């Protein structure tokens, strides 16, 4: 018959560029979903994103407390005005990532308090 082609991993409902406004999606499960370019203005606490494409998504004024991300693409995603408390990140690529205007109280990178890293940087500078 035809050529052997790789199956599309996102063969369910197409949800690219979806817009979720004022949505209560607490505990929602996204598994194998293509949400590229989607916009979230929602409560997503305890939500689970597994094998999900969130590239170029926009999370604005969201609650992501206790949310879980596993094997997701967040390339070129924007997150602003968000609750990310108790966020745990591991096995990720953060190349060219920018963080600004953030409360970093208690934040650790590889076990080291970020505030200690900033203090060491300032002492080194001068």
C-alpha atoms as a PDB file:
ATOM      1  CA  UNK A   1       0.000   0.000   0.000  1.00  0.00           C
ATOM      2  CA  UNK A   2       1.302   3.463   0.857  1.00  0.00           C
ATOM      3  CA  UNK A   3       4.523   4.473   2.522  1.00  0.00           C
ATOM      4  CA  UNK A   4       5.103   3.501   6.109  1.00  0.00           C
ATOM      5  CA  UNK A   5       4.647   6.708   8.050  1.00  0.00           C
ATOM      6  CA  UNK A   6       5.074   7.381  11.706  1.00  0.00           C
ATOM      7  CA  UNK A   7       1.711   7.736  13.453  1.00  0.00           C
ATOM      8  CA  UNK A   8       0.784  11.190  14.677  1.00  0.00           C
ATOM      9  CA  UNK A   9       1.127  11.106  18.473  1.00  0.00           C
ATOM     10  CA  UNK A  10      -1.620  13.770  18.648  1.00  0.00           C
ATOM     11  CA  UNK A  11      -4.354  11.861  16.863  1.00  0.00           C
ATOM     12  CA  UNK A  12      -7.161  12.879  19.227  1.00  0.00           C
ATOM     13  CA  UNK A  13      -9.085  16.160  19.205  1.00  0.00           C
ATOM     14  CA  UNK A  14      -7.009  18.998  17.753  1.00  0.00           C
ATOM     15  CA  UNK A  15      -6.695  21.722  20.380  1.00  0.00           C
ATOM     16  CA  UNK A  16      -3.915  23.929  19.027  1.00  0.00           C
ATOM     17  CA  UNK A  17      -4.463  27.636  19.685  1.00  0.00           C
ATOM     18  CA  UNK A  18      -7.348  26.891  22.099  1.00  0.00           C
ATOM     19  CA  UNK A  19      -8.340  29.740  24.409  1.00  0.00           C
ATOM     20  CA  UNK A  20      -9.248  28.920  28.015  1.00  0.00           C
ATOM     21  CA  UNK A  21     -10.527  32.057  29.729  1.00  0.00           C
ATOM     22  CA  UNK A  22     -11.812  32.209  33.320  1.00  0.00           C
ATOM     23  CA  UNK A  23     -11.868  28.423  33.315  1.00  0.00           C
ATOM     24  CA  UNK A  24     -11.695  26.300  36.445  1.00  0.00           C
ATOM     25  CA  UNK A  25      -9.546  23.399  35.263  1.00  0.00           C
ATOM     26  CA  UNK A  26      -8.332  22.265  38.680  1.00  0.00           C
ATOM     27  CA  UNK A  27      -7.189  18.658  38.497  1.00  0.00           C
ATOM     28  CA  UNK A  28      -7.595  18.470  34.699  1.00  0.00           C
ATOM     29  CA  UNK A  29      -5.550  15.797  32.904  1.00  0.00           C
ATOM     30  CA  UNK A  30      -3.939  16.535  29.545  1.00  0.00           C
ATOM     31  CA  UNK A  31      -2.365  13.374  28.160  1.00  0.00           C
ATOM     32  CA  UNK A  32      -0.957  13.324  24.640  1.00  0.00           C
ATOM     33  CA  UNK A  33      -2.584  16.660  23.779  1.00  0.00           C
ATOM     34  CA  UNK A  34      -1.322  19.241  21.292  1.00  0.00           C
ATOM     35  CA  UNK A  35      -1.999  22.618  22.936  1.00  0.00           C
ATOM     36  CA  UNK A  36       0.612  24.563  20.946  1.00  0.00           C
ATOM     37  CA  UNK A  37      -0.180  28.274  20.851  1.00  0.00           C
ATOM     38  CA  UNK A  38      -3.024  27.951  23.365  1.00  0.00           C
ATOM     39  CA  UNK A  39      -3.890  30.671  25.865  1.00  0.00           C
ATOM     40  CA  UNK A  40      -4.679  29.883  29.493  1.00  0.00           C
ATOM     41  CA  UNK A  41      -6.314  32.386  31.858  1.00  0.00           C
ATOM     42  CA  UNK A  42      -7.402  29.702  34.274  1.00  0.00           C
ATOM     43  CA  UNK A  43      -7.123  27.809  37.516  1.00  0.00           C
ATOM     44  CA  UNK A  44      -4.900  24.827  36.700  1.00  0.00           C
ATOM     45  CA  UNK A  45      -3.900  23.793  40.210  1.00  0.00           C
ATOM     46  CA  UNK A  46      -3.315  20.043  40.470  1.00  0.00           C
ATOM     47  CA  UNK A  47      -3.563  19.767  36.658  1.00  0.00           C
ATOM     48  CA  UNK A  48      -1.467  17.124  34.930  1.00  0.00           C
ATOM     49  CA  UNK A  49       0.222  17.626  31.566  1.00  0.00           C
ATOM     50  CA  UNK A  50       1.710  14.370  30.228  1.00  0.00           C
ATOM     51  CA  UNK A  51       3.245  14.006  26.746  1.00  0.00           C
ATOM     52  CA  UNK A  52       1.787  17.398  25.893  1.00  0.00           C
ATOM     53  CA  UNK A  53       2.902  20.052  23.408  1.00  0.00           C
ATOM     54  CA  UNK A  54       2.606  23.482  25.050  1.00  0.00           C
ATOM     55  CA  UNK A  55       5.048  25.273  22.744  1.00  0.00           C
ATOM     56  CA  UNK A  56       4.251  28.957  22.265  1.00  0.00           C
ATOM     57  CA  UNK A  57       1.448  28.693  24.838  1.00  0.00           C
ATOM     58  CA  UNK A  58       0.548  31.708  26.952  1.00  0.00           C
ATOM     59  CA  UNK A  59      -0.192  31.214  30.663  1.00  0.00           C
ATOM     60  CA  UNK A  60      -1.371  34.541  32.107  1.00  0.00           C
ATOM     61  CA  UNK A  61      -2.954  35.062  35.524  1.00  0.00           C
ATOM     62  CA  UNK A  62      -2.954  31.326  36.214  1.00  0.00           C
ATOM     63  CA  UNK A  63      -2.757  29.170  39.296  1.00  0.00           C
ATOM     64  CA  UNK A  64      -0.406  26.249  38.554  1.00  0.00           C
ATOM     65  CA  UNK A  65       0.184  25.290  42.189  1.00  0.00           C
ATOM     66  CA  UNK A  66       0.779  21.542  42.495  1.00  0.00           C
ATOM     67  CA  UNK A  67       0.464  21.103  38.717  1.00  0.00           C
ATOM     68  CA  UNK A  68       2.524  18.306  37.155  1.00  0.00           C
ATOM     69  CA  UNK A  69       4.381  18.450  33.853  1.00  0.00           C
ATOM     70  CA  UNK A  70       5.954  15.282  32.443  1.00  0.00           C
ATOM     71  CA  UNK A  71       7.513  15.013  29.002  1.00  0.00           C
ATOM     72  CA  UNK A  72       6.125  18.335  27.790  1.00  0.00           C
ATOM     73  CA  UNK A  73       7.351  20.924  25.324  1.00  0.00           C
ATOM     74  CA  UNK A  74       7.298  24.468  26.716  1.00  0.00           C
ATOM     75  CA  UNK A  75       9.545  26.057  24.052  1.00  0.00           C
ATOM     76  CA  UNK A  76       8.771  29.753  23.575  1.00  0.00           C
ATOM     77  CA  UNK A  77       6.000  29.591  26.189  1.00  0.00           C
ATOM     78  CA  UNK A  78       5.180  32.719  28.184  1.00  0.00           C
ATOM     79  CA  UNK A  79       4.180  32.483  31.859  1.00  0.00           C
ATOM     80  CA  UNK A  80       3.175  35.676  33.666  1.00  0.00           C
ATOM     81  CA  UNK A  81       1.233  36.561  36.803  1.00  0.00           C
ATOM     82  CA  UNK A  82       1.298  32.919  37.855  1.00  0.00           C
ATOM     83  CA  UNK A  83       1.322  30.967  41.092  1.00  0.00           C
ATOM     84  CA  UNK A  84       4.122  28.415  40.690  1.00  0.00           C
ATOM     85  CA  UNK A  85       4.721  27.881  44.405  1.00  0.00           C
ATOM     86  CA  UNK A  86       6.505  24.673  45.360  1.00  0.00           C
ATOM     87  CA  UNK A  87       7.493  24.159  41.722  1.00  0.00           C
ATOM     88  CA  UNK A  88       9.893  21.265  41.160  1.00  0.00           C
ATOM     89  CA  UNK A  89      11.892  21.107  37.936  1.00  0.00           C
ATOM     90  CA  UNK A  90      14.188  18.261  36.934  1.00  0.00           C
ATOM     91  CA  UNK A  91      15.591  16.799  33.750  1.00  0.00           C
ATOM     92  CA  UNK A  92      14.867  19.984  31.791  1.00  0.00           C
ATOM     93  CA  UNK A  93      16.590  22.214  29.285  1.00  0.00           C
ATOM     94  CA  UNK A  94      16.504  25.858  30.353  1.00  0.00           C
ATOM     95  CA  UNK A  95      18.707  27.245  27.568  1.00  0.00           C
ATOM     96  CA  UNK A  96      17.935  30.918  26.847  1.00  0.00           C
ATOM     97  CA  UNK A  97      15.315  31.021  29.639  1.00  0.00           C
ATOM     98  CA  UNK A  98      14.630  34.404  31.194  1.00  0.00           C
ATOM     99  CA  UNK A  99      13.156  35.000  34.653  1.00  0.00           C
ATOM    100  CA  UNK A 100      12.317  38.517  35.785  1.00  0.00           C
ATOM    101  CA  UNK A 101      10.253  40.230  38.482  1.00  0.00           C
ATOM    102  CA  UNK A 102       9.970  37.004  40.493  1.00  0.00           C
ATOM    103  CA  UNK A 103       9.769  36.207  44.203  1.00  0.00           C
ATOM    104  CA  UNK A 104      12.617  33.703  44.588  1.00  0.00           C
ATOM    105  CA  UNK A 105      12.248  33.213  48.353  1.00  0.00           C
ATOM    106  CA  UNK A 106      13.493  29.735  49.235  1.00  0.00           C
ATOM    107  CA  UNK A 107      14.245  28.827  45.603  1.00  0.00           C
ATOM    108  CA  UNK A 108      17.078  26.341  45.176  1.00  0.00           C
ATOM    109  CA  UNK A 109      19.095  25.287  42.155  1.00  0.00           C
ATOM    110  CA  UNK A 110      20.911  21.978  42.632  1.00  0.00           C
ATOM    111  CA  UNK A 111      20.381  22.352  46.387  1.00  0.00           C
ATOM    112  CA  UNK A 112      21.828  25.877  46.626  1.00  0.00           C
ATOM    113  CA  UNK A 113      19.634  28.797  47.667  1.00  0.00           C
ATOM    114  CA  UNK A 114      19.357  31.284  44.806  1.00  0.00           C
ATOM    115  CA  UNK A 115      19.705  34.133  47.310  1.00  0.00           C
ATOM    116  CA  UNK A 116      23.117  32.683  48.283  1.00  0.00           C
ATOM    117  CA  UNK A 117      24.108  32.533  44.607  1.00  0.00           C
ATOM    118  CA  UNK A 118      23.161  36.192  44.166  1.00  0.00           C
ATOM    119  CA  UNK A 119      25.095  37.164  47.319  1.00  0.00           C
ATOM    120  CA  UNK A 120      28.208  35.327  46.034  1.00  0.00           C
ATOM    121  CA  UNK A 121      27.820  37.015  42.633  1.00  0.00           C
ATOM    122  CA  UNK A 122      27.610  40.475  44.219  1.00  0.00           C
ATOM    123  CA  UNK A 123      30.703  39.789  46.373  1.00  0.00           C
ATOM    124  CA  UNK A 124      32.597  38.582  43.307  1.00  0.00           C
ATOM    125  CA  UNK A 125      31.663  41.719  41.371  1.00  0.00           C
ATOM    126  CA  UNK A 126      33.007  43.949  43.843  1.00  0.00           C
END
